[in-house]
C-alpha atoms as a PDB file:
ATOM      1  CA  MET A   1      -1.031  28.051 -76.963  1.00  0.00           C
ATOM      2  CA  ASN A   2       0.330  29.187 -80.292  1.00  0.00           C
ATOM      3  CA  SER A   3      -1.772  32.035 -81.726  1.00  0.00           C
ATOM      4  CA  ALA A   4      -2.232  30.017 -84.938  1.00  0.00           C
ATOM      5  CA  GLU A   5      -3.793  27.093 -83.076  1.00  0.00           C
ATOM      6  CA  THR A   6      -7.523  26.707 -82.705  1.00  0.00           C
ATOM      7  CA  PRO A   7      -8.999  25.204 -79.491  1.00  0.00           C
ATOM      8  CA  ASP A   8      -9.483  21.860 -81.257  1.00  0.00           C
ATOM      9  CA  GLU A   9      -5.821  21.838 -82.332  1.00  0.00           C
ATOM     10  CA  ALA A  10      -4.425  22.755 -78.920  1.00  0.00           C
ATOM     11  CA  GLU A  11      -2.992  20.019 -76.759  1.00  0.00           C
ATOM     12  CA  SER A  12      -5.380  18.601 -74.186  1.00  0.00           C
ATOM     13  CA  PRO A  13      -4.364  18.516 -70.501  1.00  0.00           C
ATOM     14  CA  VAL A  14      -3.847  14.763 -70.827  1.00  0.00           C
ATOM     15  CA  GLN A  15      -1.491  15.194 -73.772  1.00  0.00           C
ATOM     16  CA  VAL A  16       0.462  17.750 -71.752  1.00  0.00           C
ATOM     17  CA  LEU A  17       0.702  15.288 -68.848  1.00  0.00           C
ATOM     18  CA  LEU A  18       1.839  12.516 -71.189  1.00  0.00           C
ATOM     19  CA  GLU A  19       4.660  14.692 -72.479  1.00  0.00           C
ATOM     20  CA  LYS A  20       5.540  15.711 -68.925  1.00  0.00           C
ATOM     21  CA  ALA A  21       5.667  12.058 -67.849  1.00  0.00           C
ATOM     22  CA  ARG A  22       8.042  11.263 -70.700  1.00  0.00           C
ATOM     23  CA  ASP A  23      10.275  14.193 -69.758  1.00  0.00           C
ATOM     24  CA  GLU A  24      10.185  13.968 -65.969  1.00  0.00           C
ATOM     25  CA  GLY A  25       9.593  10.304 -65.163  1.00  0.00           C
ATOM     26  CA  ALA A  26       7.874   8.417 -62.369  1.00  0.00           C
ATOM     27  CA  GLU A  27       6.393  11.258 -60.320  1.00  0.00           C
ATOM     28  CA  SER A  28       4.654  12.866 -63.305  1.00  0.00           C
ATOM     29  CA  LEU A  29       3.498   9.474 -64.558  1.00  0.00           C
ATOM     30  CA  GLY A  30       2.007   8.769 -61.141  1.00  0.00           C
ATOM     31  CA  GLU A  31       0.085  12.033 -61.334  1.00  0.00           C
ATOM     32  CA  LEU A  32      -1.253  11.037 -64.748  1.00  0.00           C
ATOM     33  CA  LEU A  33      -2.241   7.525 -63.661  1.00  0.00           C
ATOM     34  CA  GLN A  34      -4.255   8.854 -60.728  1.00  0.00           C
ATOM     35  CA  LEU A  35      -6.655  10.418 -63.250  1.00  0.00           C
ATOM     36  CA  TYR A  36      -7.624   6.889 -64.323  1.00  0.00           C
ATOM     37  CA  ARG A  37      -7.833   5.055 -61.001  1.00  0.00           C
ATOM     38  CA  ASN A  38     -11.636   5.266 -60.897  1.00  0.00           C
ATOM     39  CA  TYR A  39     -11.940   4.237 -64.553  1.00  0.00           C
ATOM     40  CA  LEU A  40      -9.730   1.187 -64.034  1.00  0.00           C
ATOM     41  CA  THR A  41     -11.576   0.311 -60.831  1.00  0.00           C
ATOM     42  CA  VAL A  42     -14.915   0.218 -62.662  1.00  0.00           C
ATOM     43  CA  LEU A  43     -13.452  -2.016 -65.375  1.00  0.00           C
ATOM     44  CA  ALA A  44     -11.832  -4.326 -62.830  1.00  0.00           C
ATOM     45  CA  THR A  45     -15.056  -4.522 -60.808  1.00  0.00           C
ATOM     46  CA  THR A  46     -17.084  -5.635 -63.813  1.00  0.00           C
ATOM     47  CA  GLN A  47     -14.630  -8.454 -64.522  1.00  0.00           C
ATOM     48  CA  LEU A  48     -14.503 -10.016 -61.073  1.00  0.00           C
ATOM     49  CA  ASP A  49     -17.337 -12.470 -60.512  1.00  0.00           C
ATOM     50  CA  GLY A  50     -17.903 -14.437 -57.317  1.00  0.00           C
ATOM     51  CA  ARG A  51     -15.143 -16.953 -58.013  1.00  0.00           C
ATOM     52  CA  LEU A  52     -12.540 -14.285 -58.657  1.00  0.00           C
ATOM     53  CA  ARG A  53     -13.624 -11.963 -55.829  1.00  0.00           C
ATOM     54  CA  ARG A  54     -12.829 -14.701 -53.323  1.00  0.00           C
ATOM     55  CA  ARG A  55      -9.176 -14.538 -54.416  1.00  0.00           C
ATOM     56  CA  MET A  56      -8.649 -10.903 -55.468  1.00  0.00           C
ATOM     57  CA  ASN A  57     -10.308  -7.494 -55.307  1.00  0.00           C
ATOM     58  CA  PRO A  58     -10.518  -4.599 -57.786  1.00  0.00           C
ATOM     59  CA  SER A  59      -8.151  -2.339 -55.853  1.00  0.00           C
ATOM     60  CA  ASP A  60      -5.379  -4.954 -55.954  1.00  0.00           C
ATOM     61  CA  LEU A  61      -5.877  -5.433 -59.674  1.00  0.00           C
ATOM     62  CA  VAL A  62      -5.763  -1.680 -60.285  1.00  0.00           C
ATOM     63  CA  GLN A  63      -2.608  -1.356 -58.205  1.00  0.00           C
ATOM     64  CA  GLU A  64      -0.917  -4.090 -60.241  1.00  0.00           C
ATOM     65  CA  THR A  65      -2.019  -2.326 -63.433  1.00  0.00           C
ATOM     66  CA  MET A  66      -0.467   0.945 -62.288  1.00  0.00           C
ATOM     67  CA  LEU A  67       2.772  -0.800 -61.328  1.00  0.00           C
ATOM     68  CA  GLY A  68       2.822  -2.374 -64.787  1.00  0.00           C
ATOM     69  CA  ALA A  69       2.279   1.015 -66.385  1.00  0.00           C
ATOM     70  CA  HIS A  70       5.220   2.460 -64.459  1.00  0.00           C
ATOM     71  CA  ARG A  71       7.391  -0.480 -65.461  1.00  0.00           C
ATOM     72  CA  ASP A  72       6.519  -0.429 -69.177  1.00  0.00           C
ATOM     73  CA  PHE A  73       5.826   3.251 -69.855  1.00  0.00           C
ATOM     74  CA  GLU A  74       8.892   3.631 -72.056  1.00  0.00           C
ATOM     75  CA  ALA A  75       7.246   1.200 -74.483  1.00  0.00           C
ATOM     76  CA  PHE A  76       4.111   3.341 -74.840  1.00  0.00           C
ATOM     77  CA  ARG A  77       4.199   5.162 -78.174  1.00  0.00           C
ATOM     78  CA  GLY A  78       0.789   6.854 -78.199  1.00  0.00           C
ATOM     79  CA  GLY A  79       0.055  10.524 -77.693  1.00  0.00           C
ATOM     80  CA  THR A  80      -3.674  10.779 -76.996  1.00  0.00           C
ATOM     81  CA  GLU A  81      -5.921   9.887 -74.081  1.00  0.00           C
ATOM     82  CA  GLN A  82      -7.722   7.294 -76.180  1.00  0.00           C
ATOM     83  CA  GLU A  83      -4.426   5.550 -76.971  1.00  0.00           C
ATOM     84  CA  PHE A  84      -3.327   5.745 -73.343  1.00  0.00           C
ATOM     85  CA  LEU A  85      -6.601   4.200 -72.155  1.00  0.00           C
ATOM     86  CA  ALA A  86      -6.291   1.349 -74.662  1.00  0.00           C
ATOM     87  CA  TRP A  87      -2.763   0.699 -73.387  1.00  0.00           C
ATOM     88  CA  LEU A  88      -3.917   0.719 -69.742  1.00  0.00           C
ATOM     89  CA  ARG A  89      -6.767  -1.668 -70.544  1.00  0.00           C
ATOM     90  CA  GLN A  90      -4.343  -4.132 -72.084  1.00  0.00           C
ATOM     91  CA  ILE A  91      -2.161  -4.003 -68.974  1.00  0.00           C
ATOM     92  CA  LEU A  92      -5.295  -4.646 -66.901  1.00  0.00           C
ATOM     93  CA  VAL A  93      -6.085  -7.681 -69.075  1.00  0.00           C
ATOM     94  CA  ASN A  94      -2.560  -9.012 -68.564  1.00  0.00           C
ATOM     95  CA  CYS A  95      -2.728  -8.477 -64.799  1.00  0.00           C
ATOM     96  CA  LEU A  96      -6.056 -10.293 -64.603  1.00  0.00           C
ATOM     97  CA  ARG A  97      -4.707 -13.210 -66.608  1.00  0.00           C
ATOM     98  CA  THR A  98      -1.626 -13.378 -64.396  1.00  0.00           C
ATOM     99  CA  ALA A  99      -3.828 -13.403 -61.290  1.00  0.00           C
ATOM    100  CA  ILE A 100      -5.874 -16.262 -62.730  1.00  0.00           C
ATOM    101  CA  ASP A 101      -2.686 -18.204 -63.450  1.00  0.00           C
ATOM    102  CA  VAL A 102      -1.566 -17.719 -59.854  1.00  0.00           C
ATOM    103  CA  HIS A 103      -4.846 -18.564 -58.151  1.00  0.00           C
ATOM    104  CA  PHE A 104      -6.385 -21.194 -60.442  1.00  0.00           C
ATOM    105  CA  ASN A 105      -5.211 -24.277 -62.301  1.00  0.00           C
ATOM    106  CA  ALA A 106      -7.610 -26.512 -64.232  1.00  0.00           C
ATOM    107  CA  GLN A 107     -10.248 -23.778 -64.429  1.00  0.00           C
ATOM    108  CA  LYS A 108      -8.024 -21.066 -65.836  1.00  0.00           C
ATOM    109  CA  ARG A 109      -8.500 -21.851 -69.532  1.00  0.00           C
ATOM    110  CA  ASP A 110     -12.271 -21.471 -69.283  1.00  0.00           C
ATOM    111  CA  MET A 111     -11.939 -18.418 -67.069  1.00  0.00           C
ATOM    112  CA  ARG A 112      -9.543 -16.724 -69.467  1.00  0.00           C
ATOM    113  CA  ARG A 113     -12.125 -17.053 -72.227  1.00  0.00           C
ATOM    114  CA  GLU A 114     -14.537 -15.087 -70.042  1.00  0.00           C
ATOM    115  CA  ILE A 115     -12.187 -12.080 -69.801  1.00  0.00           C
ATOM    116  CA  SER A 116     -13.210  -9.389 -72.259  1.00  0.00           C
ATOM    117  CA  ILE A 117     -12.001  -6.050 -70.968  1.00  0.00           C
ATOM    118  CA  GLU A 118     -12.409  -4.455 -74.399  1.00  0.00           C
ATOM    119  CA  HIS A 119     -16.084  -5.435 -74.483  1.00  0.00           C
ATOM    120  CA  VAL A 120     -16.615  -4.079 -70.982  1.00  0.00           C
ATOM    121  CA  SER A 121     -14.753  -0.902 -71.900  1.00  0.00           C
ATOM    122  CA  GLN A 122     -16.999  -0.380 -74.928  1.00  0.00           C
ATOM    123  CA  THR A 123     -20.041  -0.926 -72.715  1.00  0.00           C
ATOM    124  CA  LEU A 124     -18.689   1.651 -70.302  1.00  0.00           C
ATOM    125  CA  ASP A 125     -18.132   4.153 -73.111  1.00  0.00           C
ATOM    126  CA  ASN A 126     -21.651   3.619 -74.453  1.00  0.00           C
ATOM    127  CA  SER A 127     -23.134   3.940 -70.981  1.00  0.00           C
ATOM    128  CA  ALA A 128     -21.261   7.191 -70.440  1.00  0.00           C
ATOM    129  CA  ALA A 129     -22.848   8.640 -73.573  1.00  0.00           C
ATOM    130  CA  ASN A 130     -26.277   7.388 -72.524  1.00  0.00           C
ATOM    131  CA  PHE A 131     -25.914   8.905 -69.064  1.00  0.00           C
ATOM    132  CA  ALA A 132     -24.830  12.237 -70.505  1.00  0.00           C
ATOM    133  CA  ASN A 133     -27.772  12.331 -72.918  1.00  0.00           C
ATOM    134  CA  MET A 134     -30.225  11.264 -70.244  1.00  0.00           C
ATOM    135  CA  LEU A 135     -29.057  13.518 -67.435  1.00  0.00           C
ATOM    136  CA  ALA A 136     -27.966  16.639 -69.239  1.00  0.00           C
ATOM    137  CA  ASP A 137     -30.113  17.633 -72.193  1.00  0.00           C
ATOM    138  CA  ARG A 138     -27.844  20.356 -73.441  1.00  0.00           C
ATOM    139  CA  GLY A 139     -25.251  20.933 -76.095  1.00  0.00           C
ATOM    140  CA  PRO A 140     -21.510  20.720 -75.518  1.00  0.00           C
ATOM    141  CA  SER A 141     -20.058  23.436 -73.344  1.00  0.00           C
ATOM    142  CA  PRO A 142     -17.582  25.936 -74.858  1.00  0.00           C
ATOM    143  CA  SER A 143     -14.768  24.327 -72.872  1.00  0.00           C
ATOM    144  CA  GLU A 144     -15.475  20.787 -74.099  1.00  0.00           C
ATOM    145  CA  PRO A 145     -13.166  20.912 -77.163  1.00  0.00           C
ATOM    146  CA  MET A 146     -10.357  22.091 -74.879  1.00  0.00           C
ATOM    147  CA  ARG A 147     -10.922  19.348 -72.300  1.00  0.00           C
ATOM    148  CA  ARG A 148     -11.455  16.414 -74.647  1.00  0.00           C
ATOM    149  CA  ARG A 149     -11.718  14.018 -71.710  1.00  0.00           C
ATOM    150  CA  GLU A 150     -13.069  10.574 -72.457  1.00  0.00           C
ATOM    151  CA  ARG A 151     -16.677  10.509 -71.293  1.00  0.00           C
ATOM    152  CA  ALA A 152     -16.252   7.051 -69.785  1.00  0.00           C
ATOM    153  CA  VAL A 153     -13.520   8.439 -67.526  1.00  0.00           C
ATOM    154  CA  GLU A 154     -15.809  11.242 -66.385  1.00  0.00           C
ATOM    155  CA  LEU A 155     -18.583   8.718 -65.704  1.00  0.00           C
ATOM    156  CA  ALA A 156     -16.253   6.604 -63.564  1.00  0.00           C
ATOM    157  CA  ASP A 157     -15.211   9.690 -61.589  1.00  0.00           C
ATOM    158  CA  GLN A 158     -18.841  10.529 -60.863  1.00  0.00           C
ATOM    159  CA  LEU A 159     -19.611   6.936 -59.842  1.00  0.00           C
ATOM    160  CA  ALA A 160     -16.716   7.028 -57.381  1.00  0.00           C
ATOM    161  CA  LYS A 161     -18.448   9.831 -55.462  1.00  0.00           C
ATOM    162  CA  LEU A 162     -21.504   7.697 -54.701  1.00  0.00           C
ATOM    163  CA  ARG A 163     -22.049   5.421 -51.701  1.00  0.00           C
ATOM    164  CA  PRO A 164     -20.727   1.903 -52.469  1.00  0.00           C
ATOM    165  CA  GLN A 165     -24.207   0.331 -52.610  1.00  0.00           C
ATOM    166  CA  TYR A 166     -25.378   2.979 -55.092  1.00  0.00           C
ATOM    167  CA  ARG A 167     -22.256   2.624 -57.200  1.00  0.00           C
ATOM    168  CA  ASP A 168     -22.522  -1.160 -57.230  1.00  0.00           C
ATOM    169  CA  VAL A 169     -26.155  -1.281 -58.323  1.00  0.00           C
ATOM    170  CA  ILE A 170     -25.510   1.197 -61.165  1.00  0.00           C
ATOM    171  CA  VAL A 171     -22.534  -0.830 -62.371  1.00  0.00           C
ATOM    172  CA  LEU A 172     -24.533  -4.054 -62.251  1.00  0.00           C
ATOM    173  CA  ARG A 173     -27.647  -2.606 -63.892  1.00  0.00           C
ATOM    174  CA  ASN A 174     -26.327  -0.024 -66.344  1.00  0.00           C
ATOM    175  CA  LEU A 175     -22.860  -1.279 -67.221  1.00  0.00           C
ATOM    176  CA  GLN A 176     -23.230  -5.035 -66.907  1.00  0.00           C
ATOM    177  CA  GLY A 177     -26.859  -5.083 -68.040  1.00  0.00           C
ATOM    178  CA  LEU A 178     -28.128  -7.438 -65.341  1.00  0.00           C
ATOM    179  CA  SER A 179     -31.831  -7.757 -64.605  1.00  0.00           C
ATOM    180  CA  PHE A 180     -33.231  -6.768 -61.225  1.00  0.00           C
ATOM    181  CA  ASP A 181     -33.691 -10.469 -60.442  1.00  0.00           C
ATOM    182  CA  GLU A 182     -30.045 -11.190 -61.242  1.00  0.00           C
ATOM    183  CA  ILE A 183     -28.876  -8.241 -59.153  1.00  0.00           C
ATOM    184  CA  ALA A 184     -31.104  -9.399 -56.300  1.00  0.00           C
ATOM    185  CA  ASP A 185     -29.296 -12.760 -56.336  1.00  0.00           C
ATOM    186  CA  ARG A 186     -25.914 -11.004 -56.309  1.00  0.00           C
ATOM    187  CA  LEU A 187     -26.827  -8.638 -53.476  1.00  0.00           C
ATOM    188  CA  ASP A 188     -29.029 -11.059 -51.517  1.00  0.00           C
ATOM    189  CA  ARG A 189     -31.993  -8.690 -51.696  1.00  0.00           C
ATOM    190  CA  LYS A 190     -35.514  -8.870 -53.113  1.00  0.00           C
ATOM    191  CA  PRO A 191     -35.974  -7.636 -56.732  1.00  0.00           C
ATOM    192  CA  GLY A 192     -38.351  -4.877 -55.597  1.00  0.00           C
ATOM    193  CA  SER A 193     -35.813  -3.665 -53.064  1.00  0.00           C
ATOM    194  CA  VAL A 194     -33.096  -3.678 -55.727  1.00  0.00           C
ATOM    195  CA  ARG A 195     -35.256  -1.631 -58.080  1.00  0.00           C
ATOM    196  CA  MET A 196     -35.871   0.998 -55.385  1.00  0.00           C
ATOM    197  CA  LEU A 197     -32.153   1.036 -54.556  1.00  0.00           C
ATOM    198  CA  TRP A 198     -31.330   1.570 -58.244  1.00  0.00           C
ATOM    199  CA  LEU A 199     -33.831   4.441 -58.530  1.00  0.00           C
ATOM    200  CA  ARG A 200     -32.329   6.161 -55.489  1.00  0.00           C
ATOM    201  CA  ALA A 201     -28.850   5.559 -56.877  1.00  0.00           C
ATOM    202  CA  MET A 202     -29.781   7.127 -60.206  1.00  0.00           C
ATOM    203  CA  ASP A 203     -31.228  10.163 -58.429  1.00  0.00           C
ATOM    204  CA  LYS A 204     -27.971  10.587 -56.516  1.00  0.00           C
ATOM    205  CA  PHE A 205     -25.948  10.065 -59.675  1.00  0.00           C
ATOM    206  CA  LYS A 206     -28.007  12.689 -61.511  1.00  0.00           C
ATOM    207  CA  ALA A 207     -27.424  15.223 -58.749  1.00  0.00           C
ATOM    208  CA  SER A 208     -23.690  14.529 -58.709  1.00  0.00           C
ATOM    209  CA  PHE A 209     -23.447  14.595 -62.493  1.00  0.00           C
ATOM    210  CA  GLU A 210     -25.247  17.917 -62.832  1.00  0.00           C
ATOM    211  CA  ALA A 211     -23.239  19.492 -60.009  1.00  0.00           C
ATOM    212  CA  ASN A 212     -19.902  18.542 -61.524  1.00  0.00           C
ATOM    213  CA  THR A 213     -20.356  18.918 -65.302  1.00  0.00           C
END
């Protein structure tokens, strides 16, 4: 870092990786994209309802998004993590729309109207802030200005460490805003059982969050 730069002015690790990907190509870009696999998986999961899940799964959608990013990276003109995430979300939208075109016919117009990745992304960002405030009542750490990671990305990384049933109930309850009755219908469980599952999941999430932040 230049001696004249302050921590806030220094390049973040993500900015360094973006520059490296532009200079070195596919291998460095692949390294960068892996940082966002969990984030993209959460977004994809929230967009696939029962009709779509019968034809595709989140991992396939994420893989197509990463292939699209490799293919079109030369067109990306941003330089920050926030800009890179917005670009990845748009590729995810396009991949989802393409999948709908492939798998559905008469229904696809109505289904396309239901796709709102940007809304889900904003919900994810807001939830990340809420989690951080709820689970860690402390000020920013000295390293936070240097890291400048998007909090939603960090949330997705922590969710990925949980058991699938814990991760799913947190996504449904906290990110999609479903009631316990609605989640019970999705998971084929009783509402009381879902509530207990969610409480256990939040306890596990809290432990993971505090151990890794």
